[in-house]
Amino acid sequence: MSANSFGTLFKLTSFGESHGKAVGGIIEGVLPHTPIDEVFIQSELNRRRPGQSAITTPRDEADKVEFLSGIFEGKATGTPIGFLIWNKDQRSKDYGNIADVYRPSHADYTYQSKYGIRDYRGGGRSSARETIARVVAGAIAKLMLKQQGISIQAFTSTVGPIELDKNYSELDLANAESNIVRCPDKATADRMIDYIDRVRKDKDSVGGIISCVIKNTPVGLGDPVFGKLHATLGQAMLSINAVKGFDYGLGFGATKLKGSEHNDAFYMEGDRVRTTTNYSGGIQGGISNGEDIYFNVAFKPIATILKEQNTVNKAGEEISSTTQGRHDPCVLPRAVPIVEAMAAITIMDHLLMNKMYQ
């Protein structure tokens, strides 16, 4: 199996399965002398970890990261940073009943068809537990971006039919961490939480949208033709488990406007070129223009539900099956730090590549 790495100069290579001994990774491109704040990195993992609340899976994993290399006296040495997160709370027996069953909308059938073998315990490599390695790399990328004054904030903007009807500029995005669904508007968050809880009690799942804002990026990130910044961000987001769509700026909303309505007019603010609107989402021609970069990531309802469903087994027999185990009724709250992590990795990678032109 290839394609286990993401990035060019700032690169993460991850390994591990949901019910294996550990998940881990190797991070390349961390500049020497970068302060490695392990408390901050652990706090990012804690945002992603299971068992946070009643609307997430009750699986109890401490998700404590153990660094193996590339750090000396609290700073990066410039060599590859290796790390592990040991899996502690697996219940592989919960998956015994689906060892030969293709769960609807899972990777079971495609993995079996492609490789002739699959780890049925929690999905193996296709499990969202793989994303824990991304959060570690993303946390380190965030530490590097902080030195450049660049910030990244994601939040839940839609859960099922419930939408946050305010522009991000009207909100204090830091408030997203004040509630368990990670929506920066309390009234909307309360409605989302209630809806997820009702879905959970019905043994079902629900999807939604995570929005993300990147502030203070310099002009010039991204390369034409195939290295466009929004294309790399799209690849990063679409590589996350359960993601079904990505748009940036006004996105599909731009299709409803005329060019005269959608164009971002330029003006001068001192010696800096600015835009009066930001329908482009901070990216024009695939290159950042210095305005806020903002985008949306659509997540499907997770496929693992506790209802009986029709499916097929390895013998080609049509059967009904019920999944057991501990699962999220809505992946969005735990996916917020994953979206931030992949955005941070992408921006840091482009920053390093941009130095080649300076």
Protein backbone atom coordinates (compact mmCIF):
# COMPACT_ATOMS: atom_id res chain seq x y z
CA MET A 1 0.00 0.00 0.00
CA SER A 2 1.47 3.32 -1.11
CA ALA A 3 0.33 6.94 -0.62
CA ASN A 4 0.97 7.08 3.12
CA SER A 5 2.74 10.47 2.91
CA PHE A 6 1.44 14.00 2.51
CA GLY A 7 3.48 17.11 1.73
CA THR A 8 6.60 17.97 -0.26
CA LEU A 9 9.04 19.77 2.05
CA PHE A 10 6.97 19.63 5.23
CA LYS A 11 5.97 15.98 4.99
CA LEU A 12 4.06 13.54 7.17
CA THR A 13 4.34 9.79 6.66
CA SER A 14 1.93 7.89 8.90
CA PHE A 15 1.47 4.25 9.82
CA GLY A 16 -0.69 2.05 12.02
CA GLU A 17 -4.18 0.62 12.27
CA SER A 18 -7.18 1.14 14.51
CA HIS A 19 -6.68 -2.09 16.47
CA GLY A 20 -2.96 -2.52 16.01
CA LYS A 21 -0.42 -1.79 18.75
CA ALA A 22 0.06 1.86 17.83
CA VAL A 23 -0.44 4.66 15.32
CA GLY A 24 2.55 6.81 14.51
CA GLY A 25 4.42 8.84 11.98
CA ILE A 26 7.56 10.55 10.75
CA ILE A 27 7.58 14.31 10.16
CA GLU A 28 10.18 15.85 7.84
CA GLY A 29 10.83 19.52 7.19
CA VAL A 30 10.63 20.86 10.74
CA LEU A 31 13.16 23.69 10.86
CA PRO A 32 16.03 23.40 13.37
CA HIS A 33 15.52 25.32 16.62
CA THR A 34 11.71 25.23 16.29
CA PRO A 35 10.38 25.10 19.89
CA ILE A 36 8.42 21.86 20.35
CA ASP A 37 5.74 22.55 22.94
CA GLU A 38 4.65 19.06 23.94
CA VAL A 39 1.92 20.42 26.21
CA PHE A 40 0.35 22.21 23.24
CA ILE A 41 0.70 19.14 21.02
CA GLN A 42 -1.03 17.01 23.65
CA SER A 43 -3.81 19.58 23.98
CA GLU A 44 -4.46 19.27 20.23
CA LEU A 45 -4.65 15.49 20.58
CA ASN A 46 -7.06 15.90 23.47
CA ARG A 47 -9.38 17.86 21.17
CA ARG A 48 -9.47 14.88 18.79
CA ARG A 49 -9.53 12.06 21.33
CA PRO A 50 -12.59 9.82 21.79
CA GLY A 51 -14.70 9.89 24.93
CA GLN A 52 -14.89 13.70 25.18
CA SER A 53 -18.65 13.94 25.63
CA ALA A 54 -22.00 12.22 25.30
CA ILE A 55 -22.09 12.97 21.56
CA THR A 56 -18.78 11.22 20.76
CA THR A 57 -17.69 7.60 20.90
CA PRO A 58 -17.16 6.32 24.47
CA ARG A 59 -13.92 4.58 23.48
CA ASP A 60 -11.44 5.63 26.18
CA GLU A 61 -8.04 6.39 24.67
CA ALA A 62 -5.55 8.68 26.44
CA ASP A 63 -3.87 9.36 23.07
CA LYS A 64 -0.56 10.24 24.73
CA VAL A 65 2.10 11.01 22.14
CA GLU A 66 5.60 9.60 22.60
CA PHE A 67 8.37 11.28 20.58
CA LEU A 68 11.22 9.04 19.45
CA SER A 69 13.57 11.32 17.52
CA GLY A 70 14.26 14.77 16.10
CA ILE A 71 13.87 16.74 19.35
CA PHE A 72 16.63 17.81 21.75
CA GLU A 73 16.22 20.02 24.79
CA GLY A 74 12.73 21.04 23.70
CA LYS A 75 13.68 22.08 20.17
CA ALA A 76 13.61 20.44 16.75
CA THR A 77 17.04 19.37 15.52
CA GLY A 78 16.04 19.46 11.85
CA THR A 79 16.16 15.68 11.55
CA PRO A 80 13.00 13.57 11.07
CA ILE A 81 10.68 13.62 14.08
CA GLY A 82 9.38 10.14 14.82
CA PHE A 83 6.45 9.54 17.18
CA LEU A 84 4.01 6.92 18.45
CA ILE A 85 0.59 6.91 20.07
CA TRP A 86 -0.10 3.54 21.66
CA ASN A 87 -3.58 2.06 21.26
CA LYS A 88 -4.91 1.17 24.70
CA ASP A 89 -8.67 0.55 24.55
CA GLN A 90 -9.31 -1.77 21.62
CA ARG A 91 -12.22 -4.20 21.78
CA SER A 92 -11.51 -6.32 18.73
CA LYS A 93 -14.15 -8.85 19.80
CA ASP A 94 -16.80 -6.25 18.93
CA TYR A 95 -15.95 -6.84 15.25
CA GLY A 96 -15.96 -10.65 15.21
CA ASN A 97 -19.47 -10.78 13.79
CA ILE A 98 -18.49 -8.78 10.69
CA ALA A 99 -15.21 -10.55 9.84
CA ASP A 100 -16.71 -11.81 6.56
CA VAL A 101 -19.28 -9.05 6.09
CA TYR A 102 -19.02 -5.98 3.88
CA ARG A 103 -20.43 -3.14 5.97
CA PRO A 104 -22.51 -0.68 3.92
CA SER A 105 -20.54 2.41 2.76
CA HIS A 106 -17.31 1.19 4.44
CA ALA A 107 -13.99 0.32 2.80
CA ASP A 108 -14.41 -3.40 3.53
CA TYR A 109 -15.34 -4.46 0.00
CA THR A 110 -12.88 -2.18 -1.81
CA TYR A 111 -9.94 -3.12 0.44
CA GLN A 112 -10.71 -6.84 0.06
CA SER A 113 -11.03 -6.47 -3.71
CA LYS A 114 -7.81 -4.45 -4.11
CA TYR A 115 -5.48 -6.19 -1.65
CA GLY A 116 -7.09 -9.60 -1.14
CA ILE A 117 -6.90 -9.05 2.62
CA ARG A 118 -8.34 -6.59 5.13
CA ASP A 119 -8.20 -5.89 8.83
CA TYR A 120 -11.87 -6.04 9.83
CA ARG A 121 -11.19 -4.77 13.38
CA GLY A 122 -12.48 -1.23 13.21
CA GLY A 123 -11.51 -0.90 9.57
CA GLY A 124 -7.76 -1.27 10.07
CA ARG A 125 -5.90 1.35 8.04
CA SER A 126 -9.17 2.85 6.76
CA SER A 127 -10.21 3.73 10.31
CA ALA A 128 -10.37 7.40 11.30
CA ARG A 129 -7.93 6.57 14.09
CA GLU A 130 -5.25 7.06 11.43
CA THR A 131 -5.96 10.80 11.63
CA ILE A 132 -4.31 11.02 15.05
CA ALA A 133 -0.92 11.14 13.29
CA ARG A 134 -2.14 14.11 11.25
CA VAL A 135 -3.02 16.00 14.42
CA VAL A 136 0.52 15.57 15.81
CA ALA A 137 2.08 16.83 12.56
CA GLY A 138 -0.49 19.60 12.33
CA ALA A 139 0.26 20.74 15.88
CA ILE A 140 3.96 21.05 15.04
CA ALA A 141 3.07 22.91 11.84
CA LYS A 142 0.92 25.26 13.93
CA LEU A 143 3.89 25.96 16.21
CA MET A 144 5.93 26.91 13.16
CA LEU A 145 3.12 29.02 11.68
CA LYS A 146 2.66 30.85 14.98
CA GLN A 147 6.18 32.20 14.58
CA GLN A 148 5.00 33.70 11.27
CA GLY A 149 1.86 35.19 12.84
CA ILE A 150 -0.42 32.78 10.93
CA SER A 151 -3.46 31.36 12.74
CA ILE A 152 -5.92 28.61 11.80
CA GLN A 153 -9.37 28.19 13.34
CA ALA A 154 -11.98 25.64 12.29
CA PHE A 155 -15.49 25.24 13.66
CA THR A 156 -18.71 23.31 13.12
CA SER A 157 -21.02 25.39 10.93
CA THR A 158 -23.69 22.82 9.97
CA VAL A 159 -25.06 19.66 11.58
CA GLY A 160 -27.70 17.94 9.46
CA PRO A 161 -30.41 20.56 8.80
CA ILE A 162 -29.10 23.00 11.45
CA GLU A 163 -26.94 25.78 9.99
CA LEU A 164 -24.94 28.59 11.53
CA ASP A 165 -26.44 31.55 9.68
CA LYS A 166 -23.72 34.10 10.50
CA ASN A 167 -20.58 35.00 8.60
CA TYR A 168 -17.37 34.01 10.37
CA SER A 169 -16.37 37.67 10.59
CA GLU A 170 -19.35 38.31 12.87
CA LEU A 171 -18.24 35.67 15.38
CA ASP A 172 -15.56 35.16 17.98
CA LEU A 173 -14.24 31.89 16.61
CA ALA A 174 -12.43 31.14 19.86
CA ASN A 175 -15.88 30.42 21.33
CA ALA A 176 -15.94 27.22 19.29
CA GLU A 177 -14.01 25.55 22.11
CA SER A 178 -16.64 26.54 24.70
CA ASN A 179 -19.06 23.74 23.79
CA ILE A 180 -18.89 20.06 22.88
CA VAL A 181 -20.00 20.46 19.26
CA ARG A 182 -17.39 23.20 18.56
CA CYS A 183 -19.77 25.79 17.11
CA PRO A 184 -18.86 29.42 17.98
CA ASP A 185 -22.51 30.49 18.39
CA LYS A 186 -24.04 29.15 21.63
CA ALA A 187 -27.68 29.16 20.55
CA THR A 188 -26.86 27.26 17.35
CA ALA A 189 -24.53 24.92 19.26
CA ASP A 190 -27.31 24.00 21.70
CA ARG A 191 -29.62 23.08 18.82
CA MET A 192 -26.88 21.03 17.18
CA ILE A 193 -26.12 19.14 20.38
CA ASP A 194 -29.80 18.35 20.92
CA TYR A 195 -30.13 17.09 17.35
CA ILE A 196 -27.05 14.86 17.57
CA ASP A 197 -28.28 13.41 20.85
CA ARG A 198 -31.66 12.54 19.31
CA VAL A 199 -29.91 10.87 16.36
CA ARG A 200 -27.66 8.95 18.78
CA LYS A 201 -30.62 7.63 20.76
CA ASP A 202 -32.13 6.44 17.49
CA LYS A 203 -28.94 4.43 16.81
CA ASP A 204 -28.18 6.53 13.74
CA SER A 205 -25.61 9.11 12.58
CA VAL A 206 -25.57 12.59 11.06
CA GLY A 207 -23.15 14.62 8.96
CA GLY A 208 -22.51 18.32 8.43
CA ILE A 209 -19.96 20.96 7.51
CA ILE A 210 -16.78 22.22 9.17
CA SER A 211 -15.62 25.70 8.16
CA CYS A 212 -12.05 26.91 8.53
CA VAL A 213 -10.40 30.34 8.48
CA ILE A 214 -6.66 30.96 7.97
CA LYS A 215 -5.48 34.46 8.85
CA ASN A 216 -2.31 36.42 8.05
CA THR A 217 -0.97 34.26 5.24
CA PRO A 218 1.52 36.12 3.05
CA VAL A 219 0.91 36.89 -0.60
CA GLY A 220 2.36 34.31 -2.96
CA LEU A 221 1.63 30.82 -1.57
CA GLY A 222 0.78 28.30 -4.26
CA ASP A 223 2.10 27.48 -7.71
CA PRO A 224 0.40 27.24 -11.10
CA VAL A 225 -0.64 25.04 -12.79
CA PHE A 226 -0.98 21.86 -10.74
CA GLY A 227 0.34 23.24 -7.45
CA LYS A 228 -2.45 25.71 -6.80
CA LEU A 229 -2.97 26.43 -3.12
CA HIS A 230 -6.68 25.67 -3.18
CA ALA A 231 -6.01 22.41 -5.04
CA THR A 232 -3.57 21.28 -2.34
CA LEU A 233 -5.99 22.32 0.40
CA GLY A 234 -8.70 20.37 -1.41
CA GLN A 235 -6.52 17.28 -1.58
CA ALA A 236 -5.69 17.62 2.12
CA MET A 237 -9.33 17.90 3.16
CA LEU A 238 -10.65 15.22 0.81
CA SER A 239 -8.09 12.79 2.24
CA ILE A 240 -9.82 12.95 5.65
CA ASN A 241 -12.16 10.08 6.46
CA ALA A 242 -15.86 10.74 5.74
CA VAL A 243 -15.21 13.95 3.75
CA LYS A 244 -17.46 14.28 0.69
CA GLY A 245 -16.83 17.83 -0.48
CA PHE A 246 -14.64 20.92 -0.34
CA ASP A 247 -15.17 24.50 -1.45
CA TYR A 248 -13.33 27.74 -0.76
CA GLY A 249 -14.33 31.37 -0.82
CA LEU A 250 -17.90 31.76 -2.00
CA GLY A 251 -17.59 28.28 -3.50
CA PHE A 252 -20.68 26.97 -5.25
CA GLY A 253 -22.46 30.16 -4.20
CA ALA A 254 -20.46 31.97 -6.88
CA THR A 255 -22.47 30.17 -9.56
CA LYS A 256 -25.50 32.28 -8.63
CA LEU A 257 -23.76 35.62 -9.18
CA LYS A 258 -22.73 37.70 -12.19
CA GLY A 259 -19.09 38.55 -12.69
CA SER A 260 -19.75 42.14 -11.69
CA GLU A 261 -21.17 40.88 -8.39
CA HIS A 262 -18.49 38.29 -7.68
CA ASN A 263 -15.31 40.18 -8.59
CA ASP A 264 -13.18 41.32 -5.64
CA ALA A 265 -12.26 44.96 -6.33
CA PHE A 266 -8.75 46.07 -5.35
CA TYR A 267 -7.83 49.15 -3.33
CA MET A 268 -4.74 50.46 -1.54
CA GLU A 269 -4.39 50.39 2.24
CA GLY A 270 -1.15 52.27 2.76
CA ASP A 271 1.38 50.34 0.71
CA ARG A 272 -0.65 47.13 0.75
CA VAL A 273 -3.03 45.93 -1.97
CA ARG A 274 -6.35 44.84 -0.45
CA THR A 275 -9.74 43.66 -1.74
CA THR A 276 -13.06 45.30 -0.82
CA THR A 277 -14.73 41.87 -0.71
CA ASN A 278 -13.22 38.41 -0.35
CA TYR A 279 -15.39 36.12 -2.46
CA SER A 280 -12.16 34.55 -3.75
CA GLY A 281 -11.42 33.18 -0.28
CA GLY A 282 -7.93 34.67 -0.18
CA ILE A 283 -6.74 32.77 -3.26
CA GLN A 284 -6.61 34.03 -6.85
CA GLY A 285 -5.04 32.11 -9.71
CA GLY A 286 -4.16 29.41 -7.20
CA ILE A 287 -1.94 31.85 -5.25
CA SER A 288 -2.71 33.47 -1.90
CA ASN A 289 -3.42 37.20 -2.07
CA GLY A 290 -2.97 38.03 1.62
CA GLU A 291 -6.67 38.12 2.56
CA ASP A 292 -8.27 35.56 4.87
CA ILE A 293 -8.35 32.06 3.40
CA TYR A 294 -11.63 30.38 4.24
CA PHE A 295 -13.20 27.13 3.13
CA ASN A 296 -15.85 24.51 3.95
CA VAL A 297 -15.46 20.76 4.35
CA ALA A 298 -18.52 18.51 4.02
CA PHE A 299 -18.68 15.34 6.12
CA LYS A 300 -21.12 12.52 5.46
CA PRO A 301 -23.00 10.75 8.26
CA ILE A 302 -20.53 8.09 9.40
CA ALA A 303 -21.32 4.69 7.93
CA THR A 304 -21.15 2.76 11.19
CA ILE A 305 -24.60 2.76 12.75
CA LEU A 306 -26.19 0.34 15.20
CA LYS A 307 -29.25 -0.38 13.07
CA GLU A 308 -29.73 -3.62 11.14
CA GLN A 309 -28.80 -3.15 7.46
CA ASN A 310 -28.85 -5.24 4.31
CA THR A 311 -25.47 -6.16 2.85
CA VAL A 312 -23.36 -8.91 1.26
CA ASN A 313 -20.69 -11.22 2.73
CA LYS A 314 -17.44 -12.56 1.24
CA ALA A 315 -19.28 -15.60 -0.08
CA GLY A 316 -21.54 -13.34 -2.15
CA GLU A 317 -24.60 -14.03 -0.05
CA GLU A 318 -27.14 -11.29 0.61
CA ILE A 319 -27.60 -10.98 4.36
CA SER A 320 -28.63 -8.55 7.09
CA SER A 321 -26.11 -7.42 9.68
CA THR A 322 -25.87 -5.26 12.78
CA THR A 323 -22.66 -3.48 13.76
CA GLN A 324 -21.50 -3.59 17.35
CA GLY A 325 -18.93 -1.43 19.16
CA ARG A 326 -18.52 2.21 20.17
CA HIS A 327 -18.96 4.84 17.48
CA ASP A 328 -19.54 8.56 16.99
CA PRO A 329 -23.09 9.58 16.06
CA CYS A 330 -21.51 12.69 14.50
CA VAL A 331 -17.84 12.97 13.56
CA LEU A 332 -17.78 16.78 13.33
CA PRO A 333 -16.72 17.76 16.89
CA ARG A 334 -13.65 15.51 16.78
CA ALA A 335 -12.90 16.36 13.14
CA VAL A 336 -12.41 20.11 13.81
CA PRO A 337 -8.78 19.67 14.96
CA ILE A 338 -8.14 17.30 12.04
CA VAL A 339 -9.26 19.93 9.53
CA GLU A 340 -7.01 22.48 11.27
CA ALA A 341 -4.11 20.03 11.24
CA MET A 342 -4.33 19.32 7.51
CA ALA A 343 -4.66 23.05 6.79
CA ALA A 344 -1.56 23.76 8.91
CA ILE A 345 0.48 21.05 7.18
CA THR A 346 -0.56 22.41 3.78
CA ILE A 347 0.23 26.05 4.56
CA MET A 348 3.56 25.19 6.20
CA ASP A 349 4.54 23.08 3.20
CA HIS A 350 3.75 25.96 0.82
CA LEU A 351 5.66 28.42 3.00
CA LEU A 352 8.76 26.25 2.77
CA MET A 353 8.36 25.79 -0.98
CA ASN A 354 7.88 29.54 -1.40
CA LYS A 355 11.34 30.16 0.05
CA MET A 356 12.75 28.73 -3.17
CA TYR A 357 11.62 31.89 -4.95
CA GLN A 358 13.10 34.30 -2.38
